[in-house]
Amino acid sequence: MGEKSKMKIILIVFCCFLTLTVAADEKYVTDSTVNTALHSTESVWNNTNGSASPDYAGTMVDISQTATSPDGLITVTLQTDDITYTLDFGQLDFDALDPIESTKCFFSIQVNKLEAKGSGSVTASTQNGQKSFSCNTVKMGVKNFIISGDVNVGDTITFSNIVFDIDSSDYYFSFPCTIGSQVFLAYNAESMALPSQYASILKSALKSANSQFSRKTRSKTKSKGKSGIKGLLNQELP
């Protein structure tokens, strides 16, 4: 190995060491006890919640969603049953506020995915009458988004200014359905998908920030994120 290669390796190792040292010495808050606890919480989270999949699983209240086409000619209603969900968190990061505060700092959590599944039914009302579909394993998900805000570690641990960085491309849906007892052959019989015109109307409505699915997704993510941070911080504080 030539001298230039050796020097390059030494430089890379030194830079990595320097980066780790700076990260460990970074101040999130001026209170030294709280700062240490925040660093430990971040480390534990990223080695557990940040790497496991999923982090949480449970049940979710059933979702009822009605949507109307832009021209007002079609109304579609989804009703789900027996909804279960999985929630997979990614990395947790703390950062100092500007200016830095004694016990309050900024946090952000990468959310890899929250996915809900259940059975259900879809009713479509048109000018030509009404059709009812039975849906097996309806899937509704949102992936690769960020939840962030401020956390204050005082006598109690409080959160504020929480926001969700979600856009329409983060959502995904699957509606395997049949009409009556027969596959709706005029559409994709192989996958038994809900007719695309009805699925599109539902998807647009479910992506809205005010939809039941969006509200439940945000509520579940915020609740589990906050309780996860609180639990780890309480372990780390003396």
C-alpha atoms as a PDB file:
ATOM      1  CA  MET A   1       0.000   0.000   0.000  1.00  0.00           C
ATOM      2  CA  GLY A   2       1.362   3.406  -1.011  1.00  0.00           C
ATOM      3  CA  GLU A   3       1.929   6.318   1.344  1.00  0.00           C
ATOM      4  CA  LYS A   4      -0.950   8.290  -0.194  1.00  0.00           C
ATOM      5  CA  SER A   5      -3.390   5.420   0.463  1.00  0.00           C
ATOM      6  CA  LYS A   6      -2.189   5.100   4.071  1.00  0.00           C
ATOM      7  CA  MET A   7      -2.634   8.844   4.625  1.00  0.00           C
ATOM      8  CA  LYS A   8      -6.116   8.713   3.126  1.00  0.00           C
ATOM      9  CA  ILE A   9      -7.183   5.896   5.472  1.00  0.00           C
ATOM     10  CA  ILE A  10      -5.734   7.731   8.490  1.00  0.00           C
ATOM     11  CA  LEU A  11      -7.616  10.879   7.484  1.00  0.00           C
ATOM     12  CA  ILE A  12     -10.927   9.001   7.094  1.00  0.00           C
ATOM     13  CA  VAL A  13     -10.533   7.348  10.511  1.00  0.00           C
ATOM     14  CA  PHE A  14      -9.690  10.707  12.097  1.00  0.00           C
ATOM     15  CA  CYS A  15     -12.738  12.367  10.490  1.00  0.00           C
ATOM     16  CA  CYS A  16     -15.049   9.586  11.686  1.00  0.00           C
ATOM     17  CA  PHE A  17     -13.642   9.875  15.210  1.00  0.00           C
ATOM     18  CA  LEU A  18     -14.081  13.644  15.118  1.00  0.00           C
ATOM     19  CA  THR A  19     -17.694  13.316  13.918  1.00  0.00           C
ATOM     20  CA  LEU A  20     -18.556  10.871  16.706  1.00  0.00           C
ATOM     21  CA  THR A  21     -16.900  13.110  19.300  1.00  0.00           C
ATOM     22  CA  VAL A  22     -18.788  16.180  18.121  1.00  0.00           C
ATOM     23  CA  ALA A  23     -22.097  14.251  18.116  1.00  0.00           C
ATOM     24  CA  ALA A  24     -21.503  12.993  21.658  1.00  0.00           C
ATOM     25  CA  ASP A  25     -20.562  16.483  22.871  1.00  0.00           C
ATOM     26  CA  GLU A  26     -23.463  18.231  21.109  1.00  0.00           C
ATOM     27  CA  LYS A  27     -25.635  20.181  23.522  1.00  0.00           C
ATOM     28  CA  TYR A  28     -29.362  19.875  23.101  1.00  0.00           C
ATOM     29  CA  VAL A  29     -30.091  21.861  26.283  1.00  0.00           C
ATOM     30  CA  THR A  30     -27.944  23.729  28.813  1.00  0.00           C
ATOM     31  CA  ASP A  31     -29.064  21.607  31.792  1.00  0.00           C
ATOM     32  CA  SER A  32     -26.353  18.926  31.911  1.00  0.00           C
ATOM     33  CA  THR A  33     -28.547  16.246  33.523  1.00  0.00           C
ATOM     34  CA  VAL A  34     -31.295  16.684  30.946  1.00  0.00           C
ATOM     35  CA  ASN A  35     -28.744  16.863  28.108  1.00  0.00           C
ATOM     36  CA  THR A  36     -27.225  13.524  29.166  1.00  0.00           C
ATOM     37  CA  ALA A  37     -30.684  11.971  29.418  1.00  0.00           C
ATOM     38  CA  LEU A  38     -31.596  13.203  25.941  1.00  0.00           C
ATOM     39  CA  HIS A  39     -28.435  11.711  24.440  1.00  0.00           C
ATOM     40  CA  SER A  40     -29.086   8.378  26.168  1.00  0.00           C
ATOM     41  CA  THR A  41     -32.733   8.376  25.084  1.00  0.00           C
ATOM     42  CA  GLU A  42     -31.744   9.074  21.489  1.00  0.00           C
ATOM     43  CA  SER A  43     -29.199   6.247  21.547  1.00  0.00           C
ATOM     44  CA  VAL A  44     -31.550   3.693  23.122  1.00  0.00           C
ATOM     45  CA  TRP A  45     -34.418   4.615  20.785  1.00  0.00           C
ATOM     46  CA  ASN A  46     -32.274   4.310  17.666  1.00  0.00           C
ATOM     47  CA  ASN A  47     -30.983   0.907  18.766  1.00  0.00           C
ATOM     48  CA  THR A  48     -34.472  -0.424  19.596  1.00  0.00           C
ATOM     49  CA  ASN A  49     -37.456   1.435  18.117  1.00  0.00           C
ATOM     50  CA  GLY A  50     -35.294   2.751  15.302  1.00  0.00           C
ATOM     51  CA  SER A  51     -34.304  -0.706  14.126  1.00  0.00           C
ATOM     52  CA  ALA A  52     -37.125  -3.083  15.122  1.00  0.00           C
ATOM     53  CA  SER A  53     -40.093  -3.677  12.823  1.00  0.00           C
ATOM     54  CA  PRO A  54     -42.802  -3.069  13.777  1.00  0.00           C
ATOM     55  CA  ASP A  55     -42.544  -1.220  17.098  1.00  0.00           C
ATOM     56  CA  TYR A  56     -46.243  -1.301  17.957  1.00  0.00           C
ATOM     57  CA  ALA A  57     -49.278  -3.323  16.939  1.00  0.00           C
ATOM     58  CA  GLY A  58     -52.871  -3.195  18.052  1.00  0.00           C
ATOM     59  CA  THR A  59     -56.453  -2.463  17.083  1.00  0.00           C
ATOM     60  CA  MET A  60     -57.942   0.699  15.647  1.00  0.00           C
ATOM     61  CA  VAL A  61     -61.501   2.023  15.739  1.00  0.00           C
ATOM     62  CA  ASP A  62     -63.396   1.101  12.566  1.00  0.00           C
ATOM     63  CA  ILE A  63     -63.400   3.690   9.794  1.00  0.00           C
ATOM     64  CA  SER A  64     -66.440   5.006   7.942  1.00  0.00           C
ATOM     65  CA  GLN A  65     -65.681   7.274   4.983  1.00  0.00           C
ATOM     66  CA  THR A  66     -68.071   8.793   2.457  1.00  0.00           C
ATOM     67  CA  ALA A  67     -66.764  10.560  -0.634  1.00  0.00           C
ATOM     68  CA  THR A  68     -68.352  12.191  -3.683  1.00  0.00           C
ATOM     69  CA  SER A  69     -66.865  12.512  -7.161  1.00  0.00           C
ATOM     70  CA  PRO A  70     -65.897  16.026  -8.342  1.00  0.00           C
ATOM     71  CA  ASP A  71     -68.924  16.122 -10.650  1.00  0.00           C
ATOM     72  CA  GLY A  72     -71.233  15.059  -7.829  1.00  0.00           C
ATOM     73  CA  LEU A  73     -72.598  12.079  -9.761  1.00  0.00           C
ATOM     74  CA  ILE A  74     -71.052   9.266  -7.689  1.00  0.00           C
ATOM     75  CA  THR A  75     -71.077   8.819  -3.926  1.00  0.00           C
ATOM     76  CA  VAL A  76     -68.922   6.071  -2.413  1.00  0.00           C
ATOM     77  CA  THR A  77     -69.002   4.870   1.194  1.00  0.00           C
ATOM     78  CA  LEU A  78     -66.376   2.656   2.834  1.00  0.00           C
ATOM     79  CA  GLN A  79     -67.144   0.880   6.106  1.00  0.00           C
ATOM     80  CA  THR A  80     -64.379  -1.171   7.729  1.00  0.00           C
ATOM     81  CA  ASP A  81     -64.515  -3.871  10.396  1.00  0.00           C
ATOM     82  CA  ASP A  82     -61.953  -5.422  12.751  1.00  0.00           C
ATOM     83  CA  ILE A  83     -59.143  -2.981  11.965  1.00  0.00           C
ATOM     84  CA  THR A  84     -55.655  -3.871  13.201  1.00  0.00           C
ATOM     85  CA  TYR A  85     -52.575  -1.718  12.747  1.00  0.00           C
ATOM     86  CA  THR A  86     -48.786  -1.890  12.868  1.00  0.00           C
ATOM     87  CA  LEU A  87     -46.540   1.122  13.485  1.00  0.00           C
ATOM     88  CA  ASP A  88     -42.860   1.118  12.544  1.00  0.00           C
ATOM     89  CA  PHE A  89     -40.729   4.032  13.764  1.00  0.00           C
ATOM     90  CA  GLY A  90     -37.336   5.009  12.394  1.00  0.00           C
ATOM     91  CA  GLN A  91     -34.670   7.293  13.839  1.00  0.00           C
ATOM     92  CA  LEU A  92     -35.200   9.803  16.660  1.00  0.00           C
ATOM     93  CA  ASP A  93     -33.215  13.044  16.610  1.00  0.00           C
ATOM     94  CA  PHE A  94     -32.979  15.857  19.145  1.00  0.00           C
ATOM     95  CA  ASP A  95     -31.671  19.308  18.305  1.00  0.00           C
ATOM     96  CA  ALA A  96     -31.105  22.511  20.253  1.00  0.00           C
ATOM     97  CA  LEU A  97     -33.503  25.408  19.852  1.00  0.00           C
ATOM     98  CA  ASP A  98     -32.159  28.766  18.709  1.00  0.00           C
ATOM     99  CA  PRO A  99     -31.273  30.175  21.138  1.00  0.00           C
ATOM    100  CA  ILE A 100     -30.557  27.044  23.175  1.00  0.00           C
ATOM    101  CA  GLU A 101     -32.793  26.593  26.235  1.00  0.00           C
ATOM    102  CA  SER A 102     -32.291  25.036  29.653  1.00  0.00           C
ATOM    103  CA  THR A 103     -34.601  22.000  29.365  1.00  0.00           C
ATOM    104  CA  LYS A 104     -36.477  22.430  26.088  1.00  0.00           C
ATOM    105  CA  CYS A 105     -35.357  21.258  22.650  1.00  0.00           C
ATOM    106  CA  PHE A 106     -36.572  20.160  19.229  1.00  0.00           C
ATOM    107  CA  PHE A 107     -37.292  16.520  18.356  1.00  0.00           C
ATOM    108  CA  SER A 108     -38.085  14.691  15.135  1.00  0.00           C
ATOM    109  CA  ILE A 109     -39.058  11.071  14.536  1.00  0.00           C
ATOM    110  CA  GLN A 110     -38.894   9.291  11.197  1.00  0.00           C
ATOM    111  CA  VAL A 111     -41.991   7.127  10.742  1.00  0.00           C
ATOM    112  CA  ASN A 112     -41.299   4.263   8.383  1.00  0.00           C
ATOM    113  CA  LYS A 113     -44.899   3.091   8.142  1.00  0.00           C
ATOM    114  CA  LEU A 114     -48.281   2.910   9.813  1.00  0.00           C
ATOM    115  CA  GLU A 115     -50.505   0.311   8.194  1.00  0.00           C
ATOM    116  CA  ALA A 116     -54.105  -0.617   8.995  1.00  0.00           C
ATOM    117  CA  LYS A 117     -55.892  -3.744   7.750  1.00  0.00           C
ATOM    118  CA  GLY A 118     -59.382  -5.099   8.093  1.00  0.00           C
ATOM    119  CA  SER A 119     -62.429  -6.358   6.248  1.00  0.00           C
ATOM    120  CA  GLY A 120     -65.095  -4.030   4.989  1.00  0.00           C
ATOM    121  CA  SER A 121     -67.696  -3.026   2.463  1.00  0.00           C
ATOM    122  CA  VAL A 122     -68.086  -0.344  -0.175  1.00  0.00           C
ATOM    123  CA  THR A 123     -71.372   1.079  -1.420  1.00  0.00           C
ATOM    124  CA  ALA A 124     -71.420   3.138  -4.616  1.00  0.00           C
ATOM    125  CA  SER A 125     -74.455   5.238  -5.480  1.00  0.00           C
ATOM    126  CA  THR A 126     -74.734   6.488  -9.075  1.00  0.00           C
ATOM    127  CA  GLN A 127     -77.420   7.763 -11.442  1.00  0.00           C
ATOM    128  CA  ASN A 128     -77.880   4.140 -12.499  1.00  0.00           C
ATOM    129  CA  GLY A 129     -78.564   2.871  -8.995  1.00  0.00           C
ATOM    130  CA  GLN A 130     -76.533   1.417  -6.133  1.00  0.00           C
ATOM    131  CA  LYS A 131     -73.874  -1.304  -6.034  1.00  0.00           C
ATOM    132  CA  SER A 132     -72.513  -2.994  -2.928  1.00  0.00           C
ATOM    133  CA  PHE A 133     -69.077  -4.575  -2.708  1.00  0.00           C
ATOM    134  CA  SER A 134     -67.681  -6.924  -0.077  1.00  0.00           C
ATOM    135  CA  CYS A 135     -64.011  -6.160   0.579  1.00  0.00           C
ATOM    136  CA  ASN A 136     -61.535  -8.677   1.913  1.00  0.00           C
ATOM    137  CA  THR A 137     -58.469  -7.312   3.753  1.00  0.00           C
ATOM    138  CA  VAL A 138     -58.796  -3.614   3.042  1.00  0.00           C
ATOM    139  CA  LYS A 139     -55.332  -2.082   3.460  1.00  0.00           C
ATOM    140  CA  MET A 140     -54.670   1.593   4.294  1.00  0.00           C
ATOM    141  CA  GLY A 141     -51.184   2.921   4.959  1.00  0.00           C
ATOM    142  CA  VAL A 142     -48.955   5.966   5.201  1.00  0.00           C
ATOM    143  CA  LYS A 143     -45.165   5.703   5.001  1.00  0.00           C
ATOM    144  CA  ASN A 144     -41.900   7.637   5.127  1.00  0.00           C
ATOM    145  CA  PHE A 145     -43.019  10.769   6.925  1.00  0.00           C
ATOM    146  CA  ILE A 146     -41.751  12.890   9.816  1.00  0.00           C
ATOM    147  CA  ILE A 147     -43.371  13.890  13.105  1.00  0.00           C
ATOM    148  CA  SER A 148     -41.623  16.749  14.903  1.00  0.00           C
ATOM    149  CA  GLY A 149     -42.042  19.358  17.613  1.00  0.00           C
ATOM    150  CA  ASP A 150     -40.654  20.595  20.919  1.00  0.00           C
ATOM    151  CA  VAL A 151     -40.117  18.603  24.098  1.00  0.00           C
ATOM    152  CA  ASN A 152     -39.611  20.167  27.528  1.00  0.00           C
ATOM    153  CA  VAL A 153     -38.030  17.970  30.221  1.00  0.00           C
ATOM    154  CA  GLY A 154     -38.968  19.594  33.522  1.00  0.00           C
ATOM    155  CA  ASP A 155     -40.903  18.249  36.498  1.00  0.00           C
ATOM    156  CA  THR A 156     -43.056  16.649  33.828  1.00  0.00           C
ATOM    157  CA  ILE A 157     -42.245  15.898  30.190  1.00  0.00           C
ATOM    158  CA  THR A 158     -44.396  17.991  27.869  1.00  0.00           C
ATOM    159  CA  PHE A 159     -44.675  18.290  24.088  1.00  0.00           C
ATOM    160  CA  SER A 160     -45.728  21.253  21.952  1.00  0.00           C
ATOM    161  CA  ASN A 161     -45.822  22.541  18.358  1.00  0.00           C
ATOM    162  CA  ILE A 162     -46.159  19.009  16.961  1.00  0.00           C
ATOM    163  CA  VAL A 163     -46.440  18.832  13.163  1.00  0.00           C
ATOM    164  CA  PHE A 164     -46.645  16.039  10.589  1.00  0.00           C
ATOM    165  CA  ASP A 165     -44.729  16.237   7.326  1.00  0.00           C
ATOM    166  CA  ILE A 166     -47.060  14.112   5.169  1.00  0.00           C
ATOM    167  CA  ASP A 167     -47.955  14.586   1.529  1.00  0.00           C
ATOM    168  CA  SER A 168     -50.342  12.734  -0.780  1.00  0.00           C
ATOM    169  CA  SER A 169     -47.603  10.466  -2.171  1.00  0.00           C
ATOM    170  CA  ASP A 170     -47.013   9.003   1.315  1.00  0.00           C
ATOM    171  CA  TYR A 171     -50.414   7.247   1.326  1.00  0.00           C
ATOM    172  CA  TYR A 172     -51.215   3.854  -0.178  1.00  0.00           C
ATOM    173  CA  PHE A 173     -54.398   1.772  -0.314  1.00  0.00           C
ATOM    174  CA  SER A 174     -55.644  -1.633  -1.435  1.00  0.00           C
ATOM    175  CA  PHE A 175     -59.322  -2.542  -1.904  1.00  0.00           C
ATOM    176  CA  PRO A 176     -59.735  -6.223  -2.881  1.00  0.00           C
ATOM    177  CA  CYS A 177     -63.520  -6.454  -3.397  1.00  0.00           C
ATOM    178  CA  THR A 178     -66.242  -8.573  -4.988  1.00  0.00           C
ATOM    179  CA  ILE A 179     -69.725  -7.543  -6.041  1.00  0.00           C
ATOM    180  CA  GLY A 180     -72.368  -9.783  -4.485  1.00  0.00           C
ATOM    181  CA  SER A 181     -71.135 -13.358  -4.637  1.00  0.00           C
ATOM    182  CA  GLN A 182     -69.424 -12.940  -8.020  1.00  0.00           C
ATOM    183  CA  VAL A 183     -66.210 -11.224  -9.017  1.00  0.00           C
ATOM    184  CA  PHE A 184     -66.998  -7.955 -10.804  1.00  0.00           C
ATOM    185  CA  LEU A 185     -65.769  -9.213 -14.178  1.00  0.00           C
ATOM    186  CA  ALA A 186     -65.981  -5.874 -15.975  1.00  0.00           C
ATOM    187  CA  TYR A 187     -62.916  -4.778 -14.016  1.00  0.00           C
ATOM    188  CA  ASN A 188     -59.759  -6.478 -12.816  1.00  0.00           C
ATOM    189  CA  ALA A 189     -61.108  -9.942 -12.056  1.00  0.00           C
ATOM    190  CA  GLU A 190     -57.660 -11.396 -11.369  1.00  0.00           C
ATOM    191  CA  SER A 191     -56.899  -9.124  -8.404  1.00  0.00           C
ATOM    192  CA  MET A 192     -60.580  -8.599  -7.521  1.00  0.00           C
ATOM    193  CA  ALA A 193     -59.864  -4.887  -7.140  1.00  0.00           C
ATOM    194  CA  LEU A 194     -62.559  -2.338  -6.433  1.00  0.00           C
ATOM    195  CA  PRO A 195     -63.429  -0.613  -9.758  1.00  0.00           C
ATOM    196  CA  SER A 196     -60.872   2.121 -10.316  1.00  0.00           C
ATOM    197  CA  GLN A 197     -63.378   4.977 -10.536  1.00  0.00           C
ATOM    198  CA  TYR A 198     -64.691   4.156  -7.062  1.00  0.00           C
ATOM    199  CA  ALA A 199     -61.244   3.429  -5.621  1.00  0.00           C
ATOM    200  CA  SER A 200     -59.930   6.795  -6.879  1.00  0.00           C
ATOM    201  CA  ILE A 201     -62.778   8.676  -5.191  1.00  0.00           C
ATOM    202  CA  LEU A 202     -62.114   6.859  -1.911  1.00  0.00           C
ATOM    203  CA  LYS A 203     -58.351   7.345  -2.076  1.00  0.00           C
ATOM    204  CA  SER A 204     -58.678  11.096  -2.593  1.00  0.00           C
ATOM    205  CA  ALA A 205     -60.994  11.382   0.397  1.00  0.00           C
ATOM    206  CA  LEU A 206     -58.878   9.172   2.670  1.00  0.00           C
ATOM    207  CA  LYS A 207     -55.741  11.225   1.908  1.00  0.00           C
ATOM    208  CA  SER A 208     -57.391  14.384   3.238  1.00  0.00           C
ATOM    209  CA  ALA A 209     -56.016  15.643   6.558  1.00  0.00           C
ATOM    210  CA  ASN A 210     -59.604  15.676   7.848  1.00  0.00           C
ATOM    211  CA  SER A 211     -60.432  12.083   6.896  1.00  0.00           C
ATOM    212  CA  GLN A 212     -61.024   9.522   9.623  1.00  0.00           C
ATOM    213  CA  PHE A 213     -58.010   7.547   8.475  1.00  0.00           C
ATOM    214  CA  SER A 214     -55.685  10.577   8.564  1.00  0.00           C
ATOM    215  CA  ARG A 215     -56.947  11.693  11.970  1.00  0.00           C
ATOM    216  CA  LYS A 216     -56.570   8.220  13.464  1.00  0.00           C
ATOM    217  CA  THR A 217     -53.135   7.781  11.863  1.00  0.00           C
ATOM    218  CA  ARG A 218     -51.852  11.080  13.263  1.00  0.00           C
ATOM    219  CA  SER A 219     -53.392  10.479  16.681  1.00  0.00           C
ATOM    220  CA  LYS A 220     -51.930   6.954  16.965  1.00  0.00           C
ATOM    221  CA  THR A 221     -48.479   8.060  15.757  1.00  0.00           C
ATOM    222  CA  LYS A 222     -48.354  11.078  18.049  1.00  0.00           C
ATOM    223  CA  SER A 223     -49.547   9.097  21.071  1.00  0.00           C
ATOM    224  CA  LYS A 224     -47.035   6.248  20.610  1.00  0.00           C
ATOM    225  CA  GLY A 225     -44.179   8.616  19.751  1.00  0.00           C
ATOM    226  CA  LYS A 226     -44.750  10.772  22.830  1.00  0.00           C
ATOM    227  CA  SER A 227     -45.190   7.823  25.194  1.00  0.00           C
ATOM    228  CA  GLY A 228     -42.060   6.159  23.778  1.00  0.00           C
ATOM    229  CA  ILE A 229     -39.906   9.255  24.361  1.00  0.00           C
ATOM    230  CA  LYS A 230     -41.403   9.809  27.827  1.00  0.00           C
ATOM    231  CA  GLY A 231     -40.772   6.221  28.857  1.00  0.00           C
ATOM    232  CA  LEU A 232     -37.116   6.306  27.840  1.00  0.00           C
ATOM    233  CA  LEU A 233     -36.472   9.751  29.353  1.00  0.00           C
ATOM    234  CA  ASN A 234     -38.003   8.694  32.659  1.00  0.00           C
ATOM    235  CA  GLN A 235     -35.595   5.734  32.703  1.00  0.00           C
ATOM    236  CA  GLU A 236     -32.621   8.007  32.067  1.00  0.00           C
ATOM    237  CA  LEU A 237     -33.410  10.825  34.526  1.00  0.00           C
ATOM    238  CA  PRO A 238     -32.102  10.333  38.091  1.00  0.00           C
END
